[in-house]
Amino acid sequence: MSVVPERRRRRAEINIVPLVDVLVTLIFFFLVSMQFRDLHALNITFPKIETAGENIFMDQIEVAVSAEGEFYFNGVRMDRDELRRSLETAAEFAGETPVLVMADEESRLRDVTMVMDFCRKVGLERIRLQSR
């Protein structure tokens, strides 16, 4: 009688390391490609900037928008048409001059975007917003 050694079956295993790698990659992909809600649909209050330095620009154009919707071009009060004409004239003579838009925190966003749109239409592309 011969003795045949018993063969033991190897226990089945599942290697989960590749599975974890794939899951982490998928989660990363979904986070990066996720679309967030449009900003215009959010009810937001813009923050006050306390650590910003002073804006010092040489030879700049300053356009101010008051809370009542009044426009000021370098300190002179103007209506919309006068403001547009003044920006056109400024663009003809100084196309690379930066424009500083100073708007009251209670001013309408429509008025501020209109000023920025006027600037871009006439070729004044260097637009900055003043904060407190």
C-alpha atoms as a PDB file:
ATOM      1  CA  MET A   1       0.000   0.000   0.000  1.00  0.00           C
ATOM      2  CA  SER A   2       1.369   3.262  -1.016  1.00  0.00           C
ATOM      3  CA  VAL A   3       0.687   6.396   0.827  1.00  0.00           C
ATOM      4  CA  VAL A   4      -0.348   9.250  -1.394  1.00  0.00           C
ATOM      5  CA  PRO A   5      -0.014  12.614   0.246  1.00  0.00           C
ATOM      6  CA  GLU A   6      -3.241  14.585   0.423  1.00  0.00           C
ATOM      7  CA  ARG A   7      -3.368  17.682  -1.671  1.00  0.00           C
ATOM      8  CA  ARG A   8      -4.806  20.609   0.071  1.00  0.00           C
ATOM      9  CA  ARG A   9      -6.794  23.011  -1.969  1.00  0.00           C
ATOM     10  CA  ARG A  10      -5.730  26.564  -1.790  1.00  0.00           C
ATOM     11  CA  ARG A  11      -8.261  28.851  -0.248  1.00  0.00           C
ATOM     12  CA  ALA A  12      -9.873  31.319  -2.689  1.00  0.00           C
ATOM     13  CA  GLU A  13      -8.916  34.953  -2.173  1.00  0.00           C
ATOM     14  CA  ILE A  14     -10.090  38.208  -3.647  1.00  0.00           C
ATOM     15  CA  ASN A  15      -7.398  40.808  -4.052  1.00  0.00           C
ATOM     16  CA  ILE A  16      -9.089  44.143  -3.289  1.00  0.00           C
ATOM     17  CA  VAL A  17      -6.122  46.467  -3.905  1.00  0.00           C
ATOM     18  CA  PRO A  18      -6.880  46.898  -7.647  1.00  0.00           C
ATOM     19  CA  LEU A  19     -10.544  47.387  -6.794  1.00  0.00           C
ATOM     20  CA  VAL A  20      -9.698  50.207  -4.374  1.00  0.00           C
ATOM     21  CA  ASP A  21      -7.457  51.833  -7.004  1.00  0.00           C
ATOM     22  CA  VAL A  22     -10.259  51.817  -9.553  1.00  0.00           C
ATOM     23  CA  LEU A  23     -12.776  53.202  -7.053  1.00  0.00           C
ATOM     24  CA  VAL A  24     -10.475  56.046  -6.015  1.00  0.00           C
ATOM     25  CA  THR A  25      -9.899  56.911  -9.674  1.00  0.00           C
ATOM     26  CA  LEU A  26     -13.651  56.938 -10.359  1.00  0.00           C
ATOM     27  CA  ILE A  27     -14.387  59.122  -7.333  1.00  0.00           C
ATOM     28  CA  PHE A  28     -11.665  61.567  -8.383  1.00  0.00           C
ATOM     29  CA  PHE A  29     -13.027  61.677 -11.940  1.00  0.00           C
ATOM     30  CA  PHE A  30     -16.576  62.376 -10.740  1.00  0.00           C
ATOM     31  CA  LEU A  31     -15.437  65.135  -8.388  1.00  0.00           C
ATOM     32  CA  VAL A  32     -13.422  66.858 -11.093  1.00  0.00           C
ATOM     33  CA  SER A  33     -16.103  66.598 -13.768  1.00  0.00           C
ATOM     34  CA  MET A  34     -19.014  67.569 -11.517  1.00  0.00           C
ATOM     35  CA  GLN A  35     -20.948  70.658 -12.542  1.00  0.00           C
ATOM     36  CA  PHE A  36     -21.921  73.016  -9.783  1.00  0.00           C
ATOM     37  CA  ARG A  37     -24.952  75.279  -9.693  1.00  0.00           C
ATOM     38  CA  ASP A  38     -24.814  78.498 -11.657  1.00  0.00           C
ATOM     39  CA  LEU A  39     -23.608  81.464  -9.639  1.00  0.00           C
ATOM     40  CA  HIS A  40     -26.479  83.656 -10.819  1.00  0.00           C
ATOM     41  CA  ALA A  41     -28.959  81.276  -9.217  1.00  0.00           C
ATOM     42  CA  LEU A  42     -27.377  81.593  -5.780  1.00  0.00           C
ATOM     43  CA  ASN A  43     -28.448  84.143  -3.205  1.00  0.00           C
ATOM     44  CA  ILE A  44     -25.012  85.440  -2.241  1.00  0.00           C
ATOM     45  CA  THR A  45     -23.602  88.419  -0.382  1.00  0.00           C
ATOM     46  CA  PHE A  46     -20.152  89.410  -1.533  1.00  0.00           C
ATOM     47  CA  PRO A  47     -17.570  89.569   1.259  1.00  0.00           C
ATOM     48  CA  LYS A  48     -15.647  92.565   2.462  1.00  0.00           C
ATOM     49  CA  ILE A  49     -11.933  92.378   1.642  1.00  0.00           C
ATOM     50  CA  GLU A  50      -9.923  93.449   4.660  1.00  0.00           C
ATOM     51  CA  THR A  51      -6.458  92.265   3.676  1.00  0.00           C
ATOM     52  CA  ALA A  52      -6.293  93.841   0.229  1.00  0.00           C
ATOM     53  CA  GLY A  53      -3.654  96.477  -0.339  1.00  0.00           C
ATOM     54  CA  GLU A  54      -4.394  99.851  -1.792  1.00  0.00           C
ATOM     55  CA  ASN A  55      -4.854 100.054  -5.530  1.00  0.00           C
ATOM     56  CA  ILE A  56      -2.311 102.470  -6.910  1.00  0.00           C
ATOM     57  CA  PHE A  57      -2.540 102.979 -10.658  1.00  0.00           C
ATOM     58  CA  MET A  58      -0.847 105.729 -12.564  1.00  0.00           C
ATOM     59  CA  ASP A  59      -2.862 107.459 -15.279  1.00  0.00           C
ATOM     60  CA  GLN A  60      -6.033 105.502 -14.807  1.00  0.00           C
ATOM     61  CA  ILE A  61      -9.638 106.142 -15.660  1.00  0.00           C
ATOM     62  CA  GLU A  62     -11.949 106.076 -12.658  1.00  0.00           C
ATOM     63  CA  VAL A  63     -15.628 105.289 -13.105  1.00  0.00           C
ATOM     64  CA  ALA A  64     -17.807 105.379  -9.993  1.00  0.00           C
ATOM     65  CA  VAL A  65     -21.338 104.019  -9.606  1.00  0.00           C
ATOM     66  CA  SER A  66     -23.393 105.306  -6.680  1.00  0.00           C
ATOM     67  CA  ALA A  67     -26.111 103.423  -4.837  1.00  0.00           C
ATOM     68  CA  GLU A  68     -28.713 105.565  -6.608  1.00  0.00           C
ATOM     69  CA  GLY A  69     -27.382 104.591 -10.049  1.00  0.00           C
ATOM     70  CA  GLU A  70     -25.438 107.788 -10.740  1.00  0.00           C
ATOM     71  CA  PHE A  71     -22.237 107.558 -12.801  1.00  0.00           C
ATOM     72  CA  TYR A  72     -19.039 109.530 -12.285  1.00  0.00           C
ATOM     73  CA  PHE A  73     -16.201 109.666 -14.813  1.00  0.00           C
ATOM     74  CA  ASN A  74     -12.990 110.810 -13.070  1.00  0.00           C
ATOM     75  CA  GLY A  75     -15.123 112.616 -10.474  1.00  0.00           C
ATOM     76  CA  VAL A  76     -17.518 114.296 -12.926  1.00  0.00           C
ATOM     77  CA  ARG A  77     -21.192 113.255 -12.734  1.00  0.00           C
ATOM     78  CA  MET A  78     -22.571 111.967 -16.059  1.00  0.00           C
ATOM     79  CA  ASP A  79     -25.562 110.112 -17.420  1.00  0.00           C
ATOM     80  CA  ARG A  80     -25.223 106.850 -19.398  1.00  0.00           C
ATOM     81  CA  ASP A  81     -24.820 108.439 -22.821  1.00  0.00           C
ATOM     82  CA  GLU A  82     -22.220 110.932 -21.600  1.00  0.00           C
ATOM     83  CA  LEU A  83     -20.353 108.115 -19.856  1.00  0.00           C
ATOM     84  CA  ARG A  84     -20.327 106.013 -23.031  1.00  0.00           C
ATOM     85  CA  ARG A  85     -19.047 108.959 -25.105  1.00  0.00           C
ATOM     86  CA  SER A  86     -16.374 109.764 -22.502  1.00  0.00           C
ATOM     87  CA  LEU A  87     -15.185 106.151 -22.495  1.00  0.00           C
ATOM     88  CA  GLU A  88     -15.070 106.155 -26.325  1.00  0.00           C
ATOM     89  CA  THR A  89     -12.974 109.326 -26.285  1.00  0.00           C
ATOM     90  CA  ALA A  90     -10.676 107.937 -23.607  1.00  0.00           C
ATOM     91  CA  ALA A  91     -10.211 104.720 -25.598  1.00  0.00           C
ATOM     92  CA  GLU A  92      -9.195 106.701 -28.693  1.00  0.00           C
ATOM     93  CA  PHE A  93      -6.438 108.521 -26.842  1.00  0.00           C
ATOM     94  CA  ALA A  94      -5.374 105.957 -24.247  1.00  0.00           C
ATOM     95  CA  GLY A  95      -6.418 102.447 -25.256  1.00  0.00           C
ATOM     96  CA  GLU A  96      -4.157 100.646 -22.774  1.00  0.00           C
ATOM     97  CA  THR A  97      -5.118 102.781 -19.783  1.00  0.00           C
ATOM     98  CA  PRO A  98      -6.575 100.773 -16.898  1.00  0.00           C
ATOM     99  CA  VAL A  99     -10.141 101.487 -15.815  1.00  0.00           C
ATOM    100  CA  LEU A 100     -10.948 101.406 -12.102  1.00  0.00           C
ATOM    101  CA  VAL A 101     -14.644 100.776 -11.462  1.00  0.00           C
ATOM    102  CA  MET A 102     -15.704 101.892  -7.989  1.00  0.00           C
ATOM    103  CA  ALA A 103     -19.227 100.834  -7.111  1.00  0.00           C
ATOM    104  CA  ASP A 104     -21.143 101.365  -3.913  1.00  0.00           C
ATOM    105  CA  GLU A 105     -22.014  98.083  -2.209  1.00  0.00           C
ATOM    106  CA  GLU A 106     -25.702  99.008  -2.523  1.00  0.00           C
ATOM    107  CA  SER A 107     -25.444  99.758  -6.266  1.00  0.00           C
ATOM    108  CA  ARG A 108     -27.201  97.502  -8.744  1.00  0.00           C
ATOM    109  CA  LEU A 109     -25.114  94.844 -10.404  1.00  0.00           C
ATOM    110  CA  ARG A 110     -26.800  95.794 -13.684  1.00  0.00           C
ATOM    111  CA  ASP A 111     -25.195  99.277 -13.545  1.00  0.00           C
ATOM    112  CA  VAL A 112     -21.725  97.891 -12.802  1.00  0.00           C
ATOM    113  CA  THR A 113     -21.886  95.301 -15.587  1.00  0.00           C
ATOM    114  CA  MET A 114     -23.136  97.990 -17.974  1.00  0.00           C
ATOM    115  CA  VAL A 115     -20.055 100.119 -17.194  1.00  0.00           C
ATOM    116  CA  MET A 116     -17.780  97.111 -17.747  1.00  0.00           C
ATOM    117  CA  ASP A 117     -19.596  96.327 -21.005  1.00  0.00           C
ATOM    118  CA  PHE A 118     -19.166  99.933 -22.207  1.00  0.00           C
ATOM    119  CA  CYS A 119     -15.439  99.684 -21.455  1.00  0.00           C
ATOM    120  CA  ARG A 120     -15.004  96.438 -23.374  1.00  0.00           C
ATOM    121  CA  LYS A 121     -17.017  97.681 -26.361  1.00  0.00           C
ATOM    122  CA  VAL A 122     -14.699 100.650 -26.832  1.00  0.00           C
ATOM    123  CA  GLY A 123     -11.533  98.575 -26.345  1.00  0.00           C
ATOM    124  CA  LEU A 124     -10.652  99.325 -22.726  1.00  0.00           C
ATOM    125  CA  GLU A 125      -9.843  95.798 -21.589  1.00  0.00           C
ATOM    126  CA  ARG A 126      -7.860  96.496 -18.410  1.00  0.00           C
ATOM    127  CA  ILE A 127     -10.765  96.766 -15.966  1.00  0.00           C
ATOM    128  CA  ARG A 128     -10.373  96.544 -12.199  1.00  0.00           C
ATOM    129  CA  LEU A 129     -12.984  96.624  -9.426  1.00  0.00           C
ATOM    130  CA  GLN A 130     -12.346  98.623  -6.259  1.00  0.00           C
ATOM    131  CA  SER A 131     -13.039  96.952  -2.922  1.00  0.00           C
ATOM    132  CA  ARG A 132     -12.963  98.366   0.564  1.00  0.00           C
END
